[in-house]
Amino acid sequence: MKKTSNKVEEFIRVDHAGERGAVKIYEGQLLALNTIVKNESLRKTIEDMKEHEIEHCQFFENEIKKRNIRPTKFLPLWDLLGVGLGFGSTLLGKKAAMLCTASVEEVIDKHYLNQINQLGPEEKELKKKITKFRQDELDHKDIAYEQGASKKGFYSIMDKIIKTGSKIAIRISEKV
C-alpha cells in the first residue's frame, strides 16, 4: 500500500471530522424537531440531508481505517458542539435551522474546492468522491435557502458565528 502524503492525511482527517459534525448537527436539529419544535416538513428535509452526510462520513471513516490515519482528537468535542448547534438553531426557528445548514455548507464548498484543486492524479478516486460530496453540500445549501434561510438582521450575526466556528474546527482538525 502506498504511503499517504501528510496533506492527504490532513484532508481525510478533517473531512471525516466535518462530515461527522454535519451528522451531529442534523441529529441535534432532529432532536429539537422530535421533542419541542413540531414541523414535519422541516424534519423530512433534514432527515434527507442527514442521509447524504452519513454516506460522506462512512466514506471518510473507511478511508481513515484503510490508510491508518488517526482521527482528530477533538471528535468528542465536535460531536457535542454539533448536536448543540443543531438543537439550538432549530429552537430559534426554521429560518435559523436552515441558515445553520447554509452557513456550514458555504464554508465546506470553499474547503472542498480547495482540496479538489490540490489533489493530484495519484488520488483520482478521493478527488472524485470529494467532488461528488461537494455537489451534495451545494445542493443542501440551495435547499436551505429555498426553505427560508436568511442573513438579514440577527441572522447575519449567526451566519458569521457559525462560519467562524466551522473554520476554526477545520484548522484544528487538520492538525490535531
N, C-alpha and C. Protein backbone atom coordinates (compact mmCIF):
# COMPACT_ATOMS: atom_id res chain seq x y z
N MET A 1 0.85 -1.20 0.00
CA MET A 1 0.00 0.00 0.00
C MET A 1 0.87 1.24 0.00
N LYS A 2 0.51 2.22 -0.86
CA LYS A 2 1.33 3.42 -0.95
C LYS A 2 1.16 4.30 0.29
N LYS A 3 2.18 5.06 0.57
CA LYS A 3 2.17 5.97 1.72
C LYS A 3 1.28 7.16 1.39
N THR A 4 0.40 7.49 2.28
CA THR A 4 -0.47 8.65 2.12
C THR A 4 0.32 9.89 2.52
N SER A 5 0.30 10.93 1.68
CA SER A 5 1.03 12.15 2.00
C SER A 5 0.41 12.83 3.22
N ASN A 6 1.21 13.65 3.88
CA ASN A 6 0.71 14.38 5.06
C ASN A 6 -0.48 15.26 4.70
N LYS A 7 -0.42 15.89 3.52
CA LYS A 7 -1.51 16.76 3.07
C LYS A 7 -2.80 15.94 2.92
N VAL A 8 -2.70 14.77 2.29
CA VAL A 8 -3.88 13.93 2.09
C VAL A 8 -4.38 13.39 3.43
N GLU A 9 -3.47 13.06 4.33
CA GLU A 9 -3.89 12.65 5.68
C GLU A 9 -4.70 13.75 6.34
N GLU A 10 -4.23 14.98 6.24
CA GLU A 10 -4.97 16.11 6.82
C GLU A 10 -6.34 16.25 6.17
N PHE A 11 -6.39 16.12 4.85
CA PHE A 11 -7.67 16.23 4.14
C PHE A 11 -8.66 15.19 4.67
N ILE A 12 -8.21 13.95 4.78
CA ILE A 12 -9.10 12.87 5.20
C ILE A 12 -9.50 13.05 6.67
N ARG A 13 -8.56 13.42 7.53
CA ARG A 13 -8.87 13.63 8.94
C ARG A 13 -9.91 14.73 9.11
N VAL A 14 -9.70 15.86 8.45
CA VAL A 14 -10.61 16.99 8.63
C VAL A 14 -11.96 16.71 7.95
N ASP A 15 -11.95 16.03 6.82
CA ASP A 15 -13.22 15.73 6.15
C ASP A 15 -14.04 14.73 6.96
N HIS A 16 -13.36 13.77 7.57
CA HIS A 16 -14.04 12.83 8.47
C HIS A 16 -14.70 13.59 9.62
N ALA A 17 -13.93 14.47 10.25
CA ALA A 17 -14.48 15.25 11.38
C ALA A 17 -15.64 16.13 10.92
N GLY A 18 -15.50 16.74 9.75
CA GLY A 18 -16.53 17.64 9.24
C GLY A 18 -17.82 16.92 8.89
N GLU A 19 -17.69 15.78 8.23
CA GLU A 19 -18.90 15.03 7.87
C GLU A 19 -19.57 14.46 9.10
N ARG A 20 -18.77 14.01 10.05
CA ARG A 20 -19.34 13.54 11.32
C ARG A 20 -20.03 14.70 12.04
N GLY A 21 -19.40 15.87 12.00
CA GLY A 21 -20.01 17.06 12.60
C GLY A 21 -21.34 17.40 11.95
N ALA A 22 -21.42 17.27 10.63
CA ALA A 22 -22.67 17.55 9.93
C ALA A 22 -23.76 16.58 10.37
N VAL A 23 -23.41 15.30 10.51
CA VAL A 23 -24.37 14.32 11.01
C VAL A 23 -24.86 14.75 12.40
N LYS A 24 -23.94 15.19 13.26
CA LYS A 24 -24.31 15.58 14.63
C LYS A 24 -25.19 16.83 14.63
N ILE A 25 -24.92 17.79 13.74
CA ILE A 25 -25.78 18.98 13.64
C ILE A 25 -27.20 18.55 13.30
N TYR A 26 -27.32 17.68 12.29
CA TYR A 26 -28.65 17.21 11.90
C TYR A 26 -29.30 16.39 13.01
N GLU A 27 -28.52 15.61 13.75
CA GLU A 27 -29.08 14.87 14.89
C GLU A 27 -29.63 15.84 15.93
N GLY A 28 -28.91 16.94 16.18
CA GLY A 28 -29.39 17.95 17.12
C GLY A 28 -30.67 18.61 16.63
N GLN A 29 -30.72 18.90 15.33
CA GLN A 29 -31.93 19.50 14.78
C GLN A 29 -33.10 18.54 14.88
N LEU A 30 -32.85 17.28 14.58
CA LEU A 30 -33.94 16.29 14.67
C LEU A 30 -34.38 16.07 16.12
N LEU A 31 -33.45 16.15 17.05
CA LEU A 31 -33.81 16.05 18.46
C LEU A 31 -34.79 17.16 18.84
N ALA A 32 -34.49 18.38 18.41
CA ALA A 32 -35.40 19.50 18.69
C ALA A 32 -36.74 19.30 17.98
N LEU A 33 -36.68 18.83 16.74
CA LEU A 33 -37.91 18.64 15.96
C LEU A 33 -38.77 17.48 16.48
N ASN A 34 -38.15 16.52 17.11
CA ASN A 34 -38.90 15.37 17.64
C ASN A 34 -39.38 15.57 19.07
N THR A 35 -38.94 16.66 19.71
CA THR A 35 -39.32 16.87 21.11
C THR A 35 -40.05 18.19 21.34
N ILE A 36 -39.50 19.29 20.84
CA ILE A 36 -40.03 20.61 21.20
C ILE A 36 -40.69 21.31 20.02
N VAL A 37 -39.98 21.36 18.91
CA VAL A 37 -40.45 22.08 17.72
C VAL A 37 -41.15 21.09 16.81
N LYS A 38 -42.38 21.35 16.48
CA LYS A 38 -43.11 20.44 15.60
C LYS A 38 -43.21 21.06 14.21
N ASN A 39 -42.47 20.47 13.27
CA ASN A 39 -42.52 20.91 11.88
C ASN A 39 -42.16 19.69 11.03
N GLU A 40 -43.18 19.01 10.56
CA GLU A 40 -42.99 17.74 9.86
C GLU A 40 -42.22 17.91 8.55
N SER A 41 -42.49 18.97 7.79
CA SER A 41 -41.80 19.13 6.51
C SER A 41 -40.32 19.44 6.73
N LEU A 42 -40.02 20.24 7.75
CA LEU A 42 -38.61 20.54 8.06
C LEU A 42 -37.91 19.26 8.53
N ARG A 43 -38.57 18.48 9.34
CA ARG A 43 -38.00 17.22 9.81
C ARG A 43 -37.64 16.33 8.63
N LYS A 44 -38.52 16.22 7.65
CA LYS A 44 -38.29 15.38 6.46
C LYS A 44 -37.10 15.92 5.66
N THR A 45 -37.04 17.22 5.47
CA THR A 45 -35.93 17.85 4.74
C THR A 45 -34.59 17.53 5.42
N ILE A 46 -34.56 17.69 6.73
CA ILE A 46 -33.32 17.45 7.48
C ILE A 46 -32.95 15.96 7.46
N GLU A 47 -33.93 15.09 7.58
CA GLU A 47 -33.64 13.65 7.50
C GLU A 47 -33.01 13.29 6.16
N ASP A 48 -33.52 13.88 5.09
CA ASP A 48 -32.99 13.60 3.75
C ASP A 48 -31.53 14.07 3.64
N MET A 49 -31.25 15.27 4.12
CA MET A 49 -29.88 15.79 4.05
C MET A 49 -28.95 14.98 4.95
N LYS A 50 -29.45 14.55 6.09
CA LYS A 50 -28.64 13.75 7.00
C LYS A 50 -28.18 12.45 6.34
N GLU A 51 -29.02 11.86 5.51
CA GLU A 51 -28.65 10.62 4.81
C GLU A 51 -27.39 10.82 3.97
N HIS A 52 -27.30 11.96 3.27
CA HIS A 52 -26.09 12.25 2.48
C HIS A 52 -24.87 12.35 3.40
N GLU A 53 -25.04 13.05 4.52
CA GLU A 53 -23.91 13.25 5.43
C GLU A 53 -23.44 11.91 6.02
N ILE A 54 -24.37 11.01 6.27
CA ILE A 54 -23.98 9.68 6.77
C ILE A 54 -23.15 8.95 5.72
N GLU A 55 -23.57 9.03 4.46
CA GLU A 55 -22.80 8.42 3.36
C GLU A 55 -21.39 9.00 3.31
N HIS A 56 -21.29 10.33 3.39
CA HIS A 56 -19.99 11.01 3.35
C HIS A 56 -19.13 10.57 4.53
N CYS A 57 -19.72 10.56 5.71
CA CYS A 57 -18.99 10.20 6.93
C CYS A 57 -18.48 8.77 6.86
N GLN A 58 -19.31 7.87 6.37
CA GLN A 58 -18.89 6.46 6.25
C GLN A 58 -17.72 6.30 5.29
N PHE A 59 -17.73 7.07 4.19
CA PHE A 59 -16.62 7.01 3.25
C PHE A 59 -15.32 7.41 3.95
N PHE A 60 -15.34 8.54 4.66
CA PHE A 60 -14.12 9.01 5.32
C PHE A 60 -13.73 8.13 6.50
N GLU A 61 -14.71 7.54 7.17
CA GLU A 61 -14.42 6.57 8.23
C GLU A 61 -13.64 5.39 7.65
N ASN A 62 -14.07 4.91 6.49
CA ASN A 62 -13.37 3.81 5.82
C ASN A 62 -11.97 4.22 5.37
N GLU A 63 -11.84 5.44 4.87
CA GLU A 63 -10.52 5.92 4.43
C GLU A 63 -9.55 6.02 5.61
N ILE A 64 -10.05 6.48 6.75
CA ILE A 64 -9.22 6.59 7.95
C ILE A 64 -8.69 5.21 8.34
N LYS A 65 -9.56 4.22 8.31
CA LYS A 65 -9.16 2.85 8.68
C LYS A 65 -8.22 2.26 7.63
N LYS A 66 -8.59 2.39 6.37
CA LYS A 66 -7.82 1.80 5.27
C LYS A 66 -6.40 2.37 5.20
N ARG A 67 -6.27 3.67 5.45
CA ARG A 67 -4.98 4.35 5.32
C ARG A 67 -4.26 4.50 6.66
N ASN A 68 -4.89 3.99 7.71
CA ASN A 68 -4.30 4.06 9.05
C ASN A 68 -3.99 5.51 9.47
N ILE A 69 -4.99 6.36 9.33
CA ILE A 69 -4.88 7.78 9.70
C ILE A 69 -5.59 7.96 11.04
N ARG A 70 -4.96 8.66 11.95
CA ARG A 70 -5.62 8.90 13.23
C ARG A 70 -6.66 10.01 13.06
N PRO A 71 -7.86 9.79 13.60
CA PRO A 71 -8.87 10.86 13.55
C PRO A 71 -8.46 12.00 14.47
N THR A 72 -9.11 13.14 14.31
CA THR A 72 -8.83 14.26 15.20
C THR A 72 -9.16 13.88 16.64
N LYS A 73 -8.36 14.37 17.55
CA LYS A 73 -8.61 14.12 18.98
C LYS A 73 -9.82 14.90 19.48
N PHE A 74 -10.30 15.82 18.67
CA PHE A 74 -11.40 16.68 19.08
C PHE A 74 -12.78 16.13 18.73
N LEU A 75 -12.86 14.89 18.19
CA LEU A 75 -14.17 14.34 17.81
C LEU A 75 -15.22 14.44 18.91
N PRO A 76 -14.90 14.07 20.16
CA PRO A 76 -15.95 14.17 21.19
C PRO A 76 -16.47 15.61 21.38
N LEU A 77 -15.57 16.58 21.31
CA LEU A 77 -15.99 17.98 21.45
C LEU A 77 -16.82 18.40 20.23
N TRP A 78 -16.36 18.04 19.04
CA TRP A 78 -17.11 18.40 17.83
C TRP A 78 -18.50 17.76 17.85
N ASP A 79 -18.60 16.52 18.34
CA ASP A 79 -19.91 15.86 18.45
C ASP A 79 -20.84 16.68 19.34
N LEU A 80 -20.34 17.05 20.49
CA LEU A 80 -21.14 17.81 21.45
C LEU A 80 -21.56 19.17 20.88
N LEU A 81 -20.59 19.87 20.29
CA LEU A 81 -20.90 21.19 19.73
C LEU A 81 -21.84 21.07 18.53
N GLY A 82 -21.70 20.02 17.73
CA GLY A 82 -22.58 19.82 16.59
C GLY A 82 -24.02 19.61 17.02
N VAL A 83 -24.22 18.72 17.97
CA VAL A 83 -25.58 18.48 18.47
C VAL A 83 -26.14 19.77 19.08
N GLY A 84 -25.33 20.46 19.85
CA GLY A 84 -25.78 21.72 20.46
C GLY A 84 -26.14 22.77 19.43
N LEU A 85 -25.32 22.91 18.40
CA LEU A 85 -25.60 23.89 17.34
C LEU A 85 -26.89 23.52 16.60
N GLY A 86 -27.05 22.26 16.28
CA GLY A 86 -28.27 21.83 15.59
C GLY A 86 -29.51 22.05 16.44
N PHE A 87 -29.44 21.64 17.70
CA PHE A 87 -30.58 21.77 18.61
C PHE A 87 -30.91 23.25 18.81
N GLY A 88 -29.88 24.04 19.13
CA GLY A 88 -30.09 25.46 19.41
C GLY A 88 -30.63 26.23 18.21
N SER A 89 -30.06 25.96 17.04
CA SER A 89 -30.53 26.69 15.85
C SER A 89 -31.98 26.35 15.54
N THR A 90 -32.38 25.13 15.78
CA THR A 90 -33.75 24.72 15.49
C THR A 90 -34.73 25.31 16.51
N LEU A 91 -34.29 25.47 17.75
CA LEU A 91 -35.15 26.14 18.74
C LEU A 91 -35.44 27.57 18.34
N LEU A 92 -34.51 28.19 17.60
CA LEU A 92 -34.70 29.57 17.14
C LEU A 92 -35.66 29.67 15.96
N GLY A 93 -36.03 28.54 15.39
CA GLY A 93 -37.00 28.55 14.29
C GLY A 93 -36.43 28.01 12.99
N LYS A 94 -37.33 27.86 12.03
CA LYS A 94 -36.97 27.26 10.74
C LYS A 94 -35.89 28.06 10.02
N LYS A 95 -36.03 29.40 10.01
CA LYS A 95 -35.03 30.24 9.32
C LYS A 95 -33.65 30.02 9.89
N ALA A 96 -33.56 29.96 11.21
CA ALA A 96 -32.26 29.77 11.87
C ALA A 96 -31.72 28.36 11.60
N ALA A 97 -32.58 27.36 11.63
CA ALA A 97 -32.14 25.99 11.35
C ALA A 97 -31.60 25.88 9.93
N MET A 98 -32.28 26.50 8.99
CA MET A 98 -31.84 26.44 7.60
C MET A 98 -30.60 27.30 7.37
N LEU A 99 -30.49 28.42 8.10
CA LEU A 99 -29.28 29.23 8.00
C LEU A 99 -28.08 28.45 8.51
N CYS A 100 -28.27 27.66 9.54
CA CYS A 100 -27.20 26.82 10.07
C CYS A 100 -26.65 25.94 8.94
N THR A 101 -27.53 25.29 8.21
CA THR A 101 -27.11 24.45 7.09
C THR A 101 -26.41 25.30 6.02
N ALA A 102 -27.02 26.40 5.63
CA ALA A 102 -26.44 27.24 4.56
C ALA A 102 -25.05 27.75 4.94
N SER A 103 -24.90 28.21 6.18
CA SER A 103 -23.61 28.77 6.62
C SER A 103 -22.52 27.71 6.61
N VAL A 104 -22.82 26.54 7.16
CA VAL A 104 -21.83 25.46 7.18
C VAL A 104 -21.50 25.04 5.75
N GLU A 105 -22.50 24.88 4.91
CA GLU A 105 -22.25 24.41 3.54
C GLU A 105 -21.44 25.43 2.73
N GLU A 106 -21.61 26.72 2.99
CA GLU A 106 -20.81 27.72 2.27
C GLU A 106 -19.33 27.60 2.63
N VAL A 107 -19.04 27.30 3.88
CA VAL A 107 -17.65 27.08 4.29
C VAL A 107 -17.13 25.79 3.66
N ILE A 108 -17.92 24.74 3.67
CA ILE A 108 -17.50 23.44 3.15
C ILE A 108 -17.29 23.50 1.63
N ASP A 109 -18.11 24.26 0.94
CA ASP A 109 -17.94 24.43 -0.51
C ASP A 109 -16.52 24.90 -0.82
N LYS A 110 -16.09 25.97 -0.17
CA LYS A 110 -14.73 26.51 -0.40
C LYS A 110 -13.67 25.52 0.06
N HIS A 111 -13.92 24.88 1.18
CA HIS A 111 -12.98 23.91 1.75
C HIS A 111 -12.76 22.74 0.78
N TYR A 112 -13.85 22.16 0.29
CA TYR A 112 -13.74 21.03 -0.64
C TYR A 112 -13.12 21.47 -1.97
N LEU A 113 -13.49 22.65 -2.46
CA LEU A 113 -12.93 23.13 -3.72
C LEU A 113 -11.41 23.28 -3.61
N ASN A 114 -10.95 23.79 -2.48
CA ASN A 114 -9.52 23.93 -2.22
C ASN A 114 -8.83 22.56 -2.26
N GLN A 115 -9.46 21.57 -1.65
CA GLN A 115 -8.89 20.22 -1.66
C GLN A 115 -8.87 19.64 -3.08
N ILE A 116 -9.96 19.79 -3.80
CA ILE A 116 -10.06 19.28 -5.17
C ILE A 116 -8.92 19.86 -6.01
N ASN A 117 -8.66 21.14 -5.84
CA ASN A 117 -7.61 21.81 -6.62
C ASN A 117 -6.21 21.35 -6.23
N GLN A 118 -6.03 20.80 -5.04
CA GLN A 118 -4.71 20.36 -4.59
C GLN A 118 -4.44 18.88 -4.83
N LEU A 119 -5.49 18.08 -4.99
CA LEU A 119 -5.30 16.64 -5.16
C LEU A 119 -4.77 16.32 -6.55
N GLY A 120 -3.73 15.49 -6.59
CA GLY A 120 -3.11 15.11 -7.85
C GLY A 120 -3.71 13.85 -8.43
N PRO A 121 -3.18 13.42 -9.58
CA PRO A 121 -3.71 12.23 -10.28
C PRO A 121 -3.57 10.94 -9.47
N GLU A 122 -2.65 10.90 -8.53
CA GLU A 122 -2.48 9.69 -7.70
C GLU A 122 -3.64 9.50 -6.73
N GLU A 123 -4.46 10.52 -6.57
CA GLU A 123 -5.63 10.44 -5.66
C GLU A 123 -6.92 10.65 -6.44
N LYS A 124 -7.00 10.02 -7.61
CA LYS A 124 -8.14 10.19 -8.51
C LYS A 124 -9.47 9.81 -7.85
N GLU A 125 -9.51 8.68 -7.15
CA GLU A 125 -10.76 8.22 -6.52
C GLU A 125 -11.19 9.15 -5.38
N LEU A 126 -10.22 9.59 -4.57
CA LEU A 126 -10.53 10.52 -3.48
C LEU A 126 -11.07 11.83 -4.06
N LYS A 127 -10.43 12.32 -5.08
CA LYS A 127 -10.86 13.57 -5.73
C LYS A 127 -12.28 13.44 -6.28
N LYS A 128 -12.57 12.29 -6.88
CA LYS A 128 -13.91 12.03 -7.43
C LYS A 128 -14.96 12.05 -6.32
N LYS A 129 -14.66 11.41 -5.19
CA LYS A 129 -15.60 11.38 -4.05
C LYS A 129 -15.81 12.78 -3.49
N ILE A 130 -14.72 13.52 -3.27
CA ILE A 130 -14.84 14.87 -2.70
C ILE A 130 -15.64 15.76 -3.65
N THR A 131 -15.44 15.59 -4.95
CA THR A 131 -16.20 16.38 -5.93
C THR A 131 -17.69 16.07 -5.82
N LYS A 132 -18.03 14.78 -5.69
CA LYS A 132 -19.44 14.38 -5.53
C LYS A 132 -20.00 14.94 -4.22
N PHE A 133 -19.24 14.81 -3.14
CA PHE A 133 -19.71 15.29 -1.84
C PHE A 133 -19.90 16.80 -1.86
N ARG A 134 -19.00 17.51 -2.53
CA ARG A 134 -19.14 18.98 -2.64
C ARG A 134 -20.46 19.32 -3.32
N GLN A 135 -20.81 18.58 -4.37
CA GLN A 135 -22.08 18.84 -5.05
C GLN A 135 -23.27 18.58 -4.12
N ASP A 136 -23.20 17.52 -3.32
CA ASP A 136 -24.26 17.26 -2.34
C ASP A 136 -24.39 18.45 -1.38
N GLU A 137 -23.25 18.98 -0.93
CA GLU A 137 -23.27 20.10 0.02
C GLU A 137 -23.86 21.35 -0.63
N LEU A 138 -23.52 21.58 -1.90
CA LEU A 138 -24.10 22.72 -2.61
C LEU A 138 -25.61 22.56 -2.75
N ASP A 139 -26.05 21.33 -2.99
CA ASP A 139 -27.49 21.05 -3.05
C ASP A 139 -28.15 21.35 -1.71
N HIS A 140 -27.50 20.97 -0.61
CA HIS A 140 -28.04 21.25 0.73
C HIS A 140 -28.16 22.75 0.96
N LYS A 141 -27.14 23.49 0.53
CA LYS A 141 -27.16 24.95 0.68
C LYS A 141 -28.36 25.52 -0.09
N ASP A 142 -28.56 25.06 -1.32
CA ASP A 142 -29.69 25.55 -2.13
C ASP A 142 -31.02 25.23 -1.46
N ILE A 143 -31.14 24.02 -0.93
CA ILE A 143 -32.36 23.62 -0.22
C ILE A 143 -32.59 24.54 0.98
N ALA A 144 -31.52 24.84 1.72
CA ALA A 144 -31.63 25.69 2.91
C ALA A 144 -32.19 27.07 2.54
N TYR A 145 -31.69 27.65 1.44
CA TYR A 145 -32.21 28.97 1.03
C TYR A 145 -33.64 28.87 0.51
N GLU A 146 -33.96 27.78 -0.20
CA GLU A 146 -35.34 27.58 -0.65
C GLU A 146 -36.29 27.45 0.53
N GLN A 147 -35.79 26.88 1.64
CA GLN A 147 -36.60 26.66 2.83
C GLN A 147 -36.61 27.87 3.79
N GLY A 148 -35.99 28.97 3.40
CA GLY A 148 -36.13 30.19 4.20
C GLY A 148 -34.90 30.70 4.91
N ALA A 149 -33.73 30.11 4.69
CA ALA A 149 -32.50 30.65 5.31
C ALA A 149 -32.36 32.11 4.91
N SER A 150 -31.93 32.91 5.86
CA SER A 150 -31.79 34.35 5.63
C SER A 150 -30.57 34.86 6.38
N LYS A 151 -29.95 35.92 5.83
CA LYS A 151 -28.82 36.55 6.52
C LYS A 151 -29.16 37.98 6.93
N LYS A 152 -30.43 38.26 7.02
CA LYS A 152 -30.88 39.61 7.39
C LYS A 152 -30.91 39.75 8.91
N GLY A 153 -30.57 40.94 9.38
CA GLY A 153 -30.66 41.25 10.80
C GLY A 153 -29.82 40.33 11.67
N PHE A 154 -30.44 39.79 12.71
CA PHE A 154 -29.78 38.89 13.66
C PHE A 154 -29.11 37.73 12.94
N TYR A 155 -29.73 37.29 11.85
CA TYR A 155 -29.21 36.11 11.15
C TYR A 155 -27.82 36.36 10.56
N SER A 156 -27.50 37.62 10.26
CA SER A 156 -26.15 37.90 9.73
C SER A 156 -25.09 37.63 10.80
N ILE A 157 -25.43 37.91 12.05
CA ILE A 157 -24.50 37.64 13.16
C ILE A 157 -24.37 36.13 13.35
N MET A 158 -25.50 35.43 13.32
CA MET A 158 -25.49 33.98 13.45
C MET A 158 -24.65 33.34 12.34
N ASP A 159 -24.78 33.84 11.12
CA ASP A 159 -24.02 33.35 9.98
C ASP A 159 -22.51 33.49 10.24
N LYS A 160 -22.10 34.64 10.71
CA LYS A 160 -20.67 34.89 10.98
C LYS A 160 -20.15 33.98 12.10
N ILE A 161 -20.94 33.78 13.13
CA ILE A 161 -20.53 32.92 14.25
C ILE A 161 -20.37 31.47 13.77
N ILE A 162 -21.34 30.98 13.02
CA ILE A 162 -21.28 29.59 12.53
C ILE A 162 -20.10 29.41 11.59
N LYS A 163 -19.90 30.36 10.67
CA LYS A 163 -18.79 30.24 9.72
C LYS A 163 -17.45 30.31 10.42
N THR A 164 -17.30 31.22 11.38
CA THR A 164 -16.05 31.33 12.12
C THR A 164 -15.78 30.04 12.90
N GLY A 165 -16.79 29.52 13.57
CA GLY A 165 -16.63 28.27 14.31
C GLY A 165 -16.26 27.11 13.40
N SER A 166 -16.87 27.05 12.23
CA SER A 166 -16.57 25.98 11.27
C SER A 166 -15.12 26.08 10.79
N LYS A 167 -14.67 27.29 10.49
CA LYS A 167 -13.30 27.48 10.01
C LYS A 167 -12.28 27.12 11.10
N ILE A 168 -12.58 27.47 12.33
CA ILE A 168 -11.69 27.12 13.45
C ILE A 168 -11.63 25.59 13.61
N ALA A 169 -12.78 24.96 13.56
CA ALA A 169 -12.82 23.48 13.70
C ALA A 169 -12.04 22.82 12.57
N ILE A 170 -12.10 23.36 11.36
CA ILE A 170 -11.34 22.82 10.22
C ILE A 170 -9.84 22.92 10.50
N ARG A 171 -9.38 24.09 10.91
CA ARG A 171 -7.93 24.29 11.15
C ARG A 171 -7.43 23.36 12.25
N ILE A 172 -8.18 23.24 13.33
CA ILE A 172 -7.77 22.38 14.43
C ILE A 172 -7.76 20.92 14.00
N SER A 173 -8.82 20.49 13.32
CA SER A 173 -8.96 19.08 12.94
C SER A 173 -7.91 18.64 11.92
N GLU A 174 -7.43 19.56 11.10
CA GLU A 174 -6.37 19.19 10.15
C GLU A 174 -5.11 18.73 10.89
N LYS A 175 -4.81 19.37 12.01
CA LYS A 175 -3.53 19.18 12.67
C LYS A 175 -3.57 18.26 13.90
N VAL A 176 -4.67 18.30 14.66
CA VAL A 176 -4.70 17.61 15.95
C VAL A 176 -5.68 16.46 15.92
